Amino acid sequence: MASVRLLRQAETDLEEAVTWYESRSSQTAARFQQEVAAALARIAAMPEMYALSDDQHRCCPIRKSQYTLVYRFERDVDIVVVVAVPHAKQDPQTWSSGT
């Protein structure tokens, strides 16, 4: 199983998403956090299960939400690096420029 590391941008994205869900419903926020944990576990167990979206990044949808984990798998050190957690309607240029 690969190690998983979140870049600061991904942490910020997650914090903002949880805050948004929390402002609507604490139960919904908790379910979102559970789905994020499940998605992180999936990519740790099978980092190459999702297709490449460019030359190095893959996108893992977070179930029951419109968010995605954007990550790269560094095979030589067996680490999954989550670079962003954008909303489905977010322009990919907003996260891809900083990775």
N, C-alpha and C. Protein backbone atom coordinates (compact mmCIF):
# COMPACT_ATOMS: atom_id res chain seq x y z
N MET A 1 0.84 -1.18 0.00
CA MET A 1 0.00 0.00 0.00
C MET A 1 0.89 1.24 0.00
N ALA A 2 0.57 2.17 -0.87
CA ALA A 2 1.35 3.39 -0.98
C ALA A 2 1.04 4.34 0.17
N SER A 3 2.01 5.16 0.50
CA SER A 3 1.79 6.25 1.45
C SER A 3 1.04 7.36 0.71
N VAL A 4 0.28 8.15 1.45
CA VAL A 4 -0.46 9.26 0.85
C VAL A 4 -0.03 10.55 1.53
N ARG A 5 0.26 11.55 0.71
CA ARG A 5 0.65 12.87 1.22
C ARG A 5 -0.21 13.92 0.52
N LEU A 6 -0.75 14.85 1.26
CA LEU A 6 -1.53 15.94 0.68
C LEU A 6 -0.69 17.20 0.65
N LEU A 7 -0.62 17.82 -0.53
CA LEU A 7 0.04 19.11 -0.61
C LEU A 7 -0.84 20.15 0.08
N ARG A 8 -0.25 21.26 0.43
CA ARG A 8 -0.99 22.31 1.15
C ARG A 8 -2.24 22.73 0.39
N GLN A 9 -2.17 22.84 -0.95
CA GLN A 9 -3.34 23.23 -1.74
C GLN A 9 -4.48 22.23 -1.55
N ALA A 10 -4.15 20.96 -1.53
CA ALA A 10 -5.18 19.93 -1.33
C ALA A 10 -5.79 20.04 0.06
N GLU A 11 -4.95 20.28 1.06
CA GLU A 11 -5.47 20.45 2.42
C GLU A 11 -6.42 21.65 2.49
N THR A 12 -6.03 22.74 1.86
CA THR A 12 -6.87 23.94 1.84
C THR A 12 -8.19 23.67 1.13
N ASP A 13 -8.11 22.99 -0.02
CA ASP A 13 -9.33 22.64 -0.76
C ASP A 13 -10.28 21.83 0.11
N LEU A 14 -9.73 20.84 0.82
CA LEU A 14 -10.56 19.99 1.68
C LEU A 14 -11.17 20.79 2.82
N GLU A 15 -10.38 21.64 3.45
CA GLU A 15 -10.89 22.47 4.54
C GLU A 15 -12.05 23.34 4.05
N GLU A 16 -11.90 23.93 2.87
CA GLU A 16 -12.96 24.79 2.33
C GLU A 16 -14.22 23.98 2.01
N ALA A 17 -14.04 22.79 1.46
CA ALA A 17 -15.20 21.95 1.13
C ALA A 17 -15.93 21.52 2.40
N VAL A 18 -15.18 21.10 3.41
CA VAL A 18 -15.80 20.68 4.68
C VAL A 18 -16.53 21.86 5.32
N THR A 19 -15.92 23.03 5.29
CA THR A 19 -16.57 24.22 5.84
C THR A 19 -17.88 24.51 5.12
N TRP A 20 -17.86 24.38 3.80
CA TRP A 20 -19.08 24.62 3.01
C TRP A 20 -20.16 23.62 3.40
N TYR A 21 -19.80 22.33 3.45
CA TYR A 21 -20.78 21.31 3.84
C TYR A 21 -21.26 21.54 5.27
N GLU A 22 -20.34 21.88 6.15
CA GLU A 22 -20.68 22.10 7.56
C GLU A 22 -21.68 23.24 7.71
N SER A 23 -21.58 24.26 6.88
CA SER A 23 -22.50 25.39 6.97
C SER A 23 -23.92 24.99 6.58
N ARG A 24 -24.06 23.87 5.92
CA ARG A 24 -25.36 23.39 5.51
C ARG A 24 -25.88 22.28 6.43
N SER A 25 -24.96 21.37 6.81
CA SER A 25 -25.38 20.24 7.63
C SER A 25 -24.14 19.53 8.19
N SER A 26 -24.10 19.36 9.49
CA SER A 26 -22.96 18.65 10.08
C SER A 26 -22.94 17.18 9.66
N GLN A 27 -24.13 16.61 9.45
CA GLN A 27 -24.19 15.22 8.98
C GLN A 27 -23.63 15.08 7.57
N THR A 28 -23.97 16.02 6.72
CA THR A 28 -23.47 15.99 5.34
C THR A 28 -21.95 16.18 5.34
N ALA A 29 -21.46 17.07 6.18
CA ALA A 29 -20.01 17.28 6.28
C ALA A 29 -19.31 16.00 6.74
N ALA A 30 -19.91 15.33 7.72
CA ALA A 30 -19.32 14.08 8.22
C ALA A 30 -19.31 13.00 7.13
N ARG A 31 -20.40 12.91 6.37
CA ARG A 31 -20.44 11.92 5.27
C ARG A 31 -19.40 12.25 4.21
N PHE A 32 -19.24 13.54 3.90
CA PHE A 32 -18.23 13.95 2.93
C PHE A 32 -16.84 13.53 3.42
N GLN A 33 -16.54 13.76 4.69
CA GLN A 33 -15.24 13.39 5.23
C GLN A 33 -15.03 11.87 5.18
N GLN A 34 -16.09 11.10 5.40
CA GLN A 34 -15.99 9.64 5.29
C GLN A 34 -15.68 9.23 3.85
N GLU A 35 -16.32 9.89 2.89
CA GLU A 35 -16.08 9.57 1.48
C GLU A 35 -14.66 9.97 1.05
N VAL A 36 -14.16 11.07 1.60
CA VAL A 36 -12.77 11.47 1.32
C VAL A 36 -11.82 10.40 1.86
N ALA A 37 -12.06 9.94 3.08
CA ALA A 37 -11.21 8.90 3.67
C ALA A 37 -11.25 7.63 2.82
N ALA A 38 -12.43 7.27 2.34
CA ALA A 38 -12.56 6.07 1.50
C ALA A 38 -11.80 6.25 0.18
N ALA A 39 -11.90 7.43 -0.41
CA ALA A 39 -11.19 7.69 -1.67
C ALA A 39 -9.68 7.64 -1.45
N LEU A 40 -9.21 8.21 -0.35
CA LEU A 40 -7.78 8.16 -0.04
C LEU A 40 -7.31 6.72 0.15
N ALA A 41 -8.13 5.91 0.80
CA ALA A 41 -7.79 4.50 0.99
C ALA A 41 -7.73 3.77 -0.35
N ARG A 42 -8.67 4.08 -1.25
CA ARG A 42 -8.67 3.43 -2.58
C ARG A 42 -7.40 3.75 -3.34
N ILE A 43 -7.00 5.03 -3.36
CA ILE A 43 -5.82 5.37 -4.15
C ILE A 43 -4.53 4.90 -3.48
N ALA A 44 -4.54 4.76 -2.16
CA ALA A 44 -3.36 4.20 -1.48
C ALA A 44 -3.22 2.72 -1.84
N ALA A 45 -4.34 2.01 -1.89
CA ALA A 45 -4.32 0.57 -2.18
C ALA A 45 -4.04 0.29 -3.66
N MET A 46 -4.58 1.12 -4.53
CA MET A 46 -4.44 0.92 -5.98
C MET A 46 -4.17 2.25 -6.68
N PRO A 47 -2.98 2.80 -6.55
CA PRO A 47 -2.70 4.14 -7.05
C PRO A 47 -2.88 4.32 -8.57
N GLU A 48 -2.80 3.24 -9.31
CA GLU A 48 -2.90 3.36 -10.76
C GLU A 48 -4.26 2.94 -11.30
N MET A 49 -5.25 2.83 -10.43
CA MET A 49 -6.57 2.37 -10.87
C MET A 49 -7.30 3.40 -11.74
N TYR A 50 -6.98 4.68 -11.57
CA TYR A 50 -7.62 5.72 -12.37
C TYR A 50 -6.71 6.12 -13.52
N ALA A 51 -7.32 6.44 -14.64
CA ALA A 51 -6.56 6.79 -15.84
C ALA A 51 -5.84 8.12 -15.65
N LEU A 52 -4.73 8.26 -16.37
CA LEU A 52 -4.02 9.54 -16.36
C LEU A 52 -4.88 10.59 -17.04
N SER A 53 -4.92 11.78 -16.45
CA SER A 53 -5.66 12.89 -17.07
C SER A 53 -4.71 13.82 -17.82
N ASP A 54 -3.42 13.72 -17.53
CA ASP A 54 -2.37 14.38 -18.29
C ASP A 54 -1.14 13.49 -18.17
N ASP A 55 0.04 14.03 -18.32
CA ASP A 55 1.23 13.16 -18.30
C ASP A 55 1.59 12.61 -16.92
N GLN A 56 0.98 13.14 -15.84
CA GLN A 56 1.33 12.61 -14.52
C GLN A 56 0.18 12.55 -13.52
N HIS A 57 -0.93 13.21 -13.78
CA HIS A 57 -2.02 13.29 -12.79
C HIS A 57 -3.18 12.34 -13.10
N ARG A 58 -3.80 11.89 -12.02
CA ARG A 58 -4.98 11.05 -12.10
C ARG A 58 -6.07 11.72 -11.26
N CYS A 59 -7.31 11.39 -11.55
CA CYS A 59 -8.44 11.98 -10.82
C CYS A 59 -9.31 10.87 -10.25
N CYS A 60 -9.50 10.94 -8.94
CA CYS A 60 -10.33 9.98 -8.22
C CYS A 60 -11.56 10.72 -7.72
N PRO A 61 -12.74 10.37 -8.23
CA PRO A 61 -13.94 11.06 -7.75
C PRO A 61 -14.23 10.72 -6.29
N ILE A 62 -14.68 11.72 -5.56
CA ILE A 62 -15.12 11.50 -4.19
C ILE A 62 -16.61 11.22 -4.27
N ARG A 63 -16.98 10.00 -3.95
CA ARG A 63 -18.37 9.57 -4.10
C ARG A 63 -19.32 10.47 -3.34
N LYS A 64 -20.53 10.58 -3.90
CA LYS A 64 -21.62 11.36 -3.30
C LYS A 64 -21.27 12.83 -3.15
N SER A 65 -20.37 13.33 -4.00
CA SER A 65 -20.02 14.74 -4.01
C SER A 65 -19.61 15.12 -5.42
N GLN A 66 -19.35 16.39 -5.61
CA GLN A 66 -18.86 16.84 -6.90
C GLN A 66 -17.39 17.24 -6.81
N TYR A 67 -16.68 16.62 -5.89
CA TYR A 67 -15.26 16.88 -5.71
C TYR A 67 -14.44 15.69 -6.20
N THR A 68 -13.19 15.97 -6.52
CA THR A 68 -12.28 14.97 -7.05
C THR A 68 -10.93 15.11 -6.37
N LEU A 69 -10.27 13.99 -6.11
CA LEU A 69 -8.89 14.02 -5.65
C LEU A 69 -8.00 14.00 -6.89
N VAL A 70 -7.21 15.02 -7.07
CA VAL A 70 -6.24 15.05 -8.17
C VAL A 70 -4.90 14.67 -7.56
N TYR A 71 -4.29 13.62 -8.12
CA TYR A 71 -3.06 13.12 -7.50
C TYR A 71 -2.10 12.59 -8.55
N ARG A 72 -0.88 12.41 -8.10
CA ARG A 72 0.13 11.74 -8.92
C ARG A 72 0.74 10.63 -8.07
N PHE A 73 1.13 9.59 -8.75
CA PHE A 73 1.74 8.45 -8.07
C PHE A 73 3.23 8.45 -8.37
N GLU A 74 4.02 8.58 -7.33
CA GLU A 74 5.47 8.54 -7.48
C GLU A 74 5.91 7.11 -7.19
N ARG A 75 5.92 6.32 -8.26
CA ARG A 75 6.15 4.88 -8.16
C ARG A 75 7.49 4.53 -7.51
N ASP A 76 8.53 5.29 -7.84
CA ASP A 76 9.86 4.96 -7.33
C ASP A 76 9.96 5.04 -5.81
N VAL A 77 9.11 5.85 -5.17
CA VAL A 77 9.12 5.95 -3.70
C VAL A 77 7.80 5.48 -3.10
N ASP A 78 6.90 4.97 -3.93
CA ASP A 78 5.61 4.41 -3.50
C ASP A 78 4.80 5.41 -2.67
N ILE A 79 4.67 6.63 -3.24
CA ILE A 79 3.90 7.69 -2.57
C ILE A 79 2.86 8.26 -3.53
N VAL A 80 1.65 8.42 -3.00
CA VAL A 80 0.59 9.12 -3.72
C VAL A 80 0.60 10.55 -3.20
N VAL A 81 0.72 11.51 -4.10
CA VAL A 81 0.72 12.92 -3.71
C VAL A 81 -0.56 13.55 -4.23
N VAL A 82 -1.44 13.94 -3.30
CA VAL A 82 -2.69 14.60 -3.67
C VAL A 82 -2.37 16.08 -3.82
N VAL A 83 -2.56 16.60 -5.04
CA VAL A 83 -2.17 17.98 -5.32
C VAL A 83 -3.31 18.96 -5.18
N ALA A 84 -4.55 18.49 -5.33
CA ALA A 84 -5.70 19.39 -5.24
C ALA A 84 -6.97 18.57 -5.04
N VAL A 85 -7.99 19.24 -4.55
CA VAL A 85 -9.31 18.62 -4.39
C VAL A 85 -10.33 19.60 -4.96
N PRO A 86 -10.37 19.70 -6.29
CA PRO A 86 -11.26 20.69 -6.91
C PRO A 86 -12.71 20.21 -7.00
N HIS A 87 -13.59 21.18 -7.06
CA HIS A 87 -15.00 20.92 -7.35
C HIS A 87 -15.08 20.60 -8.84
N ALA A 88 -16.02 19.80 -9.23
CA ALA A 88 -16.15 19.38 -10.63
C ALA A 88 -16.29 20.55 -11.59
N LYS A 89 -16.85 21.65 -11.13
CA LYS A 89 -17.04 22.81 -12.00
C LYS A 89 -15.85 23.75 -12.01
N GLN A 90 -14.81 23.42 -11.24
CA GLN A 90 -13.62 24.28 -11.17
C GLN A 90 -12.75 24.08 -12.40
N ASP A 91 -12.21 25.16 -12.89
CA ASP A 91 -11.32 25.12 -14.04
C ASP A 91 -10.01 24.40 -13.66
N PRO A 92 -9.62 23.36 -14.41
CA PRO A 92 -8.39 22.64 -14.08
C PRO A 92 -7.15 23.52 -14.04
N GLN A 93 -7.15 24.64 -14.73
CA GLN A 93 -6.00 25.53 -14.71
C GLN A 93 -5.73 26.09 -13.31
N THR A 94 -6.76 26.15 -12.47
CA THR A 94 -6.57 26.70 -11.13
C THR A 94 -5.71 25.81 -10.25
N TRP A 95 -5.72 24.51 -10.50
CA TRP A 95 -4.87 23.63 -9.69
C TRP A 95 -3.65 23.14 -10.46
N SER A 96 -3.73 23.04 -11.77
CA SER A 96 -2.62 22.44 -12.51
C SER A 96 -1.40 23.35 -12.60
N SER A 97 -1.58 24.65 -12.44
CA SER A 97 -0.44 25.55 -12.55
C SER A 97 0.51 25.43 -11.38
N GLY A 98 0.03 24.95 -10.24
CA GLY A 98 0.87 24.88 -9.06
C GLY A 98 1.41 23.50 -8.74
N THR A 99 1.29 22.55 -9.65
CA THR A 99 1.71 21.19 -9.33
C THR A 99 3.01 20.88 -9.95
